[in-house]
Amino acid sequence: MTLKRKLAGGILATLGFMLSPLSWWNDAFVNLPLALAFAWLASSRAAPEIRERVFQISLVAAYWLTNVLGFVLMYKGVRWMRSPGVKSETRRELWQDVWISLGYTALLVALLKLGVLKSIEGYFPRS
């Protein structure tokens, strides 16, 4: 039972790390593409007059949700794997992670405002 629990915990923690903002590449290659895909899907069904706003809101919301899900999965995975006496994450490290997420959110908002990121129709306008 212990080996299965540690293996399952390791898988959960790895998935959580892949979704968390703990390194620059996680966000650049996992979270941002997932959030962008979600925003494209969410805005594709919206009325044309609100499509861009739906895209912007859903992009930021999906980005934050992937980060939160990553932290939750990491926490659960480590709790399953952890043996007694292992120190858990400190409050300082948690705040550092929050600031990293806020930095990426500011980057997302800037890219939205500059027109780099836009709804799928913005890249392929209908004629």
C-alpha atoms as a PDB file:
ATOM      1  CA  MET A   1       0.000   0.000   0.000  1.00  0.00           C
ATOM      2  CA  THR A   2       2.817   2.421   0.816  1.00  0.00           C
ATOM      3  CA  LEU A   3       4.508   1.993  -2.570  1.00  0.00           C
ATOM      4  CA  LYS A   4       1.219   2.528  -4.442  1.00  0.00           C
ATOM      5  CA  ARG A   5       0.497   5.594  -2.336  1.00  0.00           C
ATOM      6  CA  LYS A   6       3.959   7.048  -2.948  1.00  0.00           C
ATOM      7  CA  LEU A   7       3.747   6.332  -6.667  1.00  0.00           C
ATOM      8  CA  ALA A   8       0.297   7.949  -6.937  1.00  0.00           C
ATOM      9  CA  GLY A   9       1.538  10.892  -4.885  1.00  0.00           C
ATOM     10  CA  GLY A  10       4.538  11.261  -7.166  1.00  0.00           C
ATOM     11  CA  ILE A  11       2.323  11.317 -10.254  1.00  0.00           C
ATOM     12  CA  LEU A  12       0.004  13.894  -8.687  1.00  0.00           C
ATOM     13  CA  ALA A  13       2.919  16.045  -7.569  1.00  0.00           C
ATOM     14  CA  THR A  14       4.492  15.882 -11.051  1.00  0.00           C
ATOM     15  CA  LEU A  15       1.226  16.889 -12.724  1.00  0.00           C
ATOM     16  CA  GLY A  16       0.858  19.662 -10.178  1.00  0.00           C
ATOM     17  CA  PHE A  17       4.375  20.888 -10.861  1.00  0.00           C
ATOM     18  CA  MET A  18       3.633  20.927 -14.594  1.00  0.00           C
ATOM     19  CA  LEU A  19       0.639  23.216 -13.923  1.00  0.00           C
ATOM     20  CA  SER A  20       2.247  25.356 -11.237  1.00  0.00           C
ATOM     21  CA  PRO A  21       4.183  28.571 -11.915  1.00  0.00           C
ATOM     22  CA  LEU A  22       7.300  27.311 -10.143  1.00  0.00           C
ATOM     23  CA  SER A  23       9.565  27.717 -13.139  1.00  0.00           C
ATOM     24  CA  TRP A  24       9.422  29.934 -16.193  1.00  0.00           C
ATOM     25  CA  TRP A  25       8.913  27.064 -18.630  1.00  0.00           C
ATOM     26  CA  ASN A  26       5.848  25.685 -16.823  1.00  0.00           C
ATOM     27  CA  ASP A  27       3.871  28.816 -17.598  1.00  0.00           C
ATOM     28  CA  ALA A  28       5.390  29.425 -21.006  1.00  0.00           C
ATOM     29  CA  PHE A  29       4.862  25.904 -22.350  1.00  0.00           C
ATOM     30  CA  VAL A  30       1.949  24.513 -20.312  1.00  0.00           C
ATOM     31  CA  ASN A  31      -0.272  27.068 -18.548  1.00  0.00           C
ATOM     32  CA  LEU A  32      -0.343  29.821 -21.154  1.00  0.00           C
ATOM     33  CA  PRO A  33      -1.164  27.469 -24.058  1.00  0.00           C
ATOM     34  CA  LEU A  34      -3.870  25.757 -21.982  1.00  0.00           C
ATOM     35  CA  ALA A  35      -5.344  29.123 -20.984  1.00  0.00           C
ATOM     36  CA  LEU A  36      -5.186  30.370 -24.569  1.00  0.00           C
ATOM     37  CA  ALA A  37      -6.939  27.258 -25.897  1.00  0.00           C
ATOM     38  CA  PHE A  38      -9.635  27.601 -23.243  1.00  0.00           C
ATOM     39  CA  ALA A  39     -10.122  31.294 -24.046  1.00  0.00           C
ATOM     40  CA  TRP A  40     -10.398  30.558 -27.765  1.00  0.00           C
ATOM     41  CA  LEU A  41     -13.063  27.948 -27.072  1.00  0.00           C
ATOM     42  CA  ALA A  42     -14.953  30.141 -24.626  1.00  0.00           C
ATOM     43  CA  SER A  43     -14.969  33.161 -26.921  1.00  0.00           C
ATOM     44  CA  SER A  44     -15.773  31.252 -30.101  1.00  0.00           C
ATOM     45  CA  ARG A  45     -19.417  30.870 -29.039  1.00  0.00           C
ATOM     46  CA  ALA A  46     -19.816  34.410 -27.693  1.00  0.00           C
ATOM     47  CA  ALA A  47     -21.717  37.075 -29.575  1.00  0.00           C
ATOM     48  CA  PRO A  48     -19.412  39.111 -31.841  1.00  0.00           C
ATOM     49  CA  GLU A  49     -19.869  42.308 -29.836  1.00  0.00           C
ATOM     50  CA  ILE A  50     -18.604  40.719 -26.609  1.00  0.00           C
ATOM     51  CA  ARG A  51     -16.227  38.127 -28.040  1.00  0.00           C
ATOM     52  CA  GLU A  52     -13.006  40.036 -27.304  1.00  0.00           C
ATOM     53  CA  ARG A  53     -14.043  40.758 -23.704  1.00  0.00           C
ATOM     54  CA  VAL A  54     -15.024  37.114 -23.119  1.00  0.00           C
ATOM     55  CA  PHE A  55     -11.671  36.081 -24.553  1.00  0.00           C
ATOM     56  CA  GLN A  56      -9.723  38.390 -22.243  1.00  0.00           C
ATOM     57  CA  ILE A  57     -11.603  37.412 -19.094  1.00  0.00           C
ATOM     58  CA  SER A  58     -11.507  33.687 -19.824  1.00  0.00           C
ATOM     59  CA  LEU A  59      -7.768  33.810 -20.652  1.00  0.00           C
ATOM     60  CA  VAL A  60      -6.864  35.319 -17.287  1.00  0.00           C
ATOM     61  CA  ALA A  61      -9.345  33.099 -15.407  1.00  0.00           C
ATOM     62  CA  ALA A  62      -8.077  29.917 -17.072  1.00  0.00           C
ATOM     63  CA  TYR A  63      -4.470  30.895 -16.390  1.00  0.00           C
ATOM     64  CA  TRP A  64      -5.198  31.380 -12.698  1.00  0.00           C
ATOM     65  CA  LEU A  65      -7.203  28.148 -12.518  1.00  0.00           C
ATOM     66  CA  THR A  66      -4.323  26.136 -13.995  1.00  0.00           C
ATOM     67  CA  ASN A  67      -1.971  27.629 -11.397  1.00  0.00           C
ATOM     68  CA  VAL A  68      -4.338  26.912  -8.513  1.00  0.00           C
ATOM     69  CA  LEU A  69      -4.926  23.381  -9.776  1.00  0.00           C
ATOM     70  CA  GLY A  70      -1.158  22.908  -9.997  1.00  0.00           C
ATOM     71  CA  PHE A  71      -0.626  23.982  -6.407  1.00  0.00           C
ATOM     72  CA  VAL A  72      -3.466  21.774  -5.164  1.00  0.00           C
ATOM     73  CA  LEU A  73      -2.191  18.717  -7.046  1.00  0.00           C
ATOM     74  CA  MET A  74       1.352  19.291  -5.794  1.00  0.00           C
ATOM     75  CA  TYR A  75       0.135  19.682  -2.229  1.00  0.00           C
ATOM     76  CA  LYS A  76      -1.953  16.518  -2.386  1.00  0.00           C
ATOM     77  CA  GLY A  77       0.808  14.554  -4.110  1.00  0.00           C
ATOM     78  CA  VAL A  78       3.460  15.561  -1.625  1.00  0.00           C
ATOM     79  CA  ARG A  79       1.126  14.803   1.289  1.00  0.00           C
ATOM     80  CA  TRP A  80       0.591  11.304  -0.099  1.00  0.00           C
ATOM     81  CA  MET A  81       4.325  10.718  -0.599  1.00  0.00           C
ATOM     82  CA  ARG A  82       5.637  12.472   2.474  1.00  0.00           C
ATOM     83  CA  SER A  83       7.086  10.599   5.375  1.00  0.00           C
ATOM     84  CA  PRO A  84       6.993  11.952   8.936  1.00  0.00           C
ATOM     85  CA  GLY A  85       9.505  14.657   9.713  1.00  0.00           C
ATOM     86  CA  VAL A  86       9.617  16.231   6.240  1.00  0.00           C
ATOM     87  CA  LYS A  87       9.273  19.992   6.396  1.00  0.00           C
ATOM     88  CA  SER A  88       6.342  21.377   4.417  1.00  0.00           C
ATOM     89  CA  GLU A  89       6.484  24.472   2.197  1.00  0.00           C
ATOM     90  CA  THR A  90       7.209  27.686   4.058  1.00  0.00           C
ATOM     91  CA  ARG A  91       5.000  30.755   3.981  1.00  0.00           C
ATOM     92  CA  ARG A  92       7.778  32.730   2.270  1.00  0.00           C
ATOM     93  CA  GLU A  93       7.919  30.204  -0.587  1.00  0.00           C
ATOM     94  CA  LEU A  94       4.151  30.339  -0.957  1.00  0.00           C
ATOM     95  CA  TRP A  95       4.200  34.146  -1.255  1.00  0.00           C
ATOM     96  CA  GLN A  96       7.021  33.921  -3.779  1.00  0.00           C
ATOM     97  CA  ASP A  97       4.829  31.618  -5.877  1.00  0.00           C
ATOM     98  CA  VAL A  98       1.913  34.047  -5.616  1.00  0.00           C
ATOM     99  CA  TRP A  99       4.122  36.911  -6.844  1.00  0.00           C
ATOM    100  CA  ILE A 100       5.328  34.812  -9.774  1.00  0.00           C
ATOM    101  CA  SER A 101       1.702  34.153 -10.721  1.00  0.00           C
ATOM    102  CA  LEU A 102       0.907  37.853 -10.458  1.00  0.00           C
ATOM    103  CA  GLY A 103       3.877  38.652 -12.685  1.00  0.00           C
ATOM    104  CA  TYR A 104       2.675  36.256 -15.360  1.00  0.00           C
ATOM    105  CA  THR A 105      -0.822  37.675 -15.047  1.00  0.00           C
ATOM    106  CA  ALA A 106       0.567  41.171 -15.651  1.00  0.00           C
ATOM    107  CA  LEU A 107       2.380  39.798 -18.702  1.00  0.00           C
ATOM    108  CA  LEU A 108      -0.875  38.266 -19.966  1.00  0.00           C
ATOM    109  CA  VAL A 109      -2.762  41.528 -19.531  1.00  0.00           C
ATOM    110  CA  ALA A 110       0.020  43.458 -21.303  1.00  0.00           C
ATOM    111  CA  LEU A 111      -0.007  40.993 -24.223  1.00  0.00           C
ATOM    112  CA  LEU A 112      -3.786  41.346 -24.420  1.00  0.00           C
ATOM    113  CA  LYS A 113      -3.618  45.141 -24.434  1.00  0.00           C
ATOM    114  CA  LEU A 114      -0.857  45.152 -27.064  1.00  0.00           C
ATOM    115  CA  GLY A 115      -2.929  42.881 -29.302  1.00  0.00           C
ATOM    116  CA  VAL A 116      -0.411  40.030 -29.295  1.00  0.00           C
ATOM    117  CA  LEU A 117      -2.962  37.646 -27.798  1.00  0.00           C
ATOM    118  CA  LYS A 118      -6.482  37.834 -29.201  1.00  0.00           C
ATOM    119  CA  SER A 119      -9.458  35.644 -29.899  1.00  0.00           C
ATOM    120  CA  ILE A 120      -9.062  33.132 -32.700  1.00  0.00           C
ATOM    121  CA  GLU A 121     -11.140  35.338 -35.004  1.00  0.00           C
ATOM    122  CA  GLY A 122      -8.573  38.087 -34.506  1.00  0.00           C
ATOM    123  CA  TYR A 123      -5.941  35.910 -36.153  1.00  0.00           C
ATOM    124  CA  PHE A 124      -8.207  34.593 -38.908  1.00  0.00           C
ATOM    125  CA  PRO A 125     -10.784  37.265 -39.691  1.00  0.00           C
ATOM    126  CA  ARG A 126     -13.809  36.156 -41.663  1.00  0.00           C
ATOM    127  CA  SER A 127     -14.227  37.734 -45.048  1.00  0.00           C
END
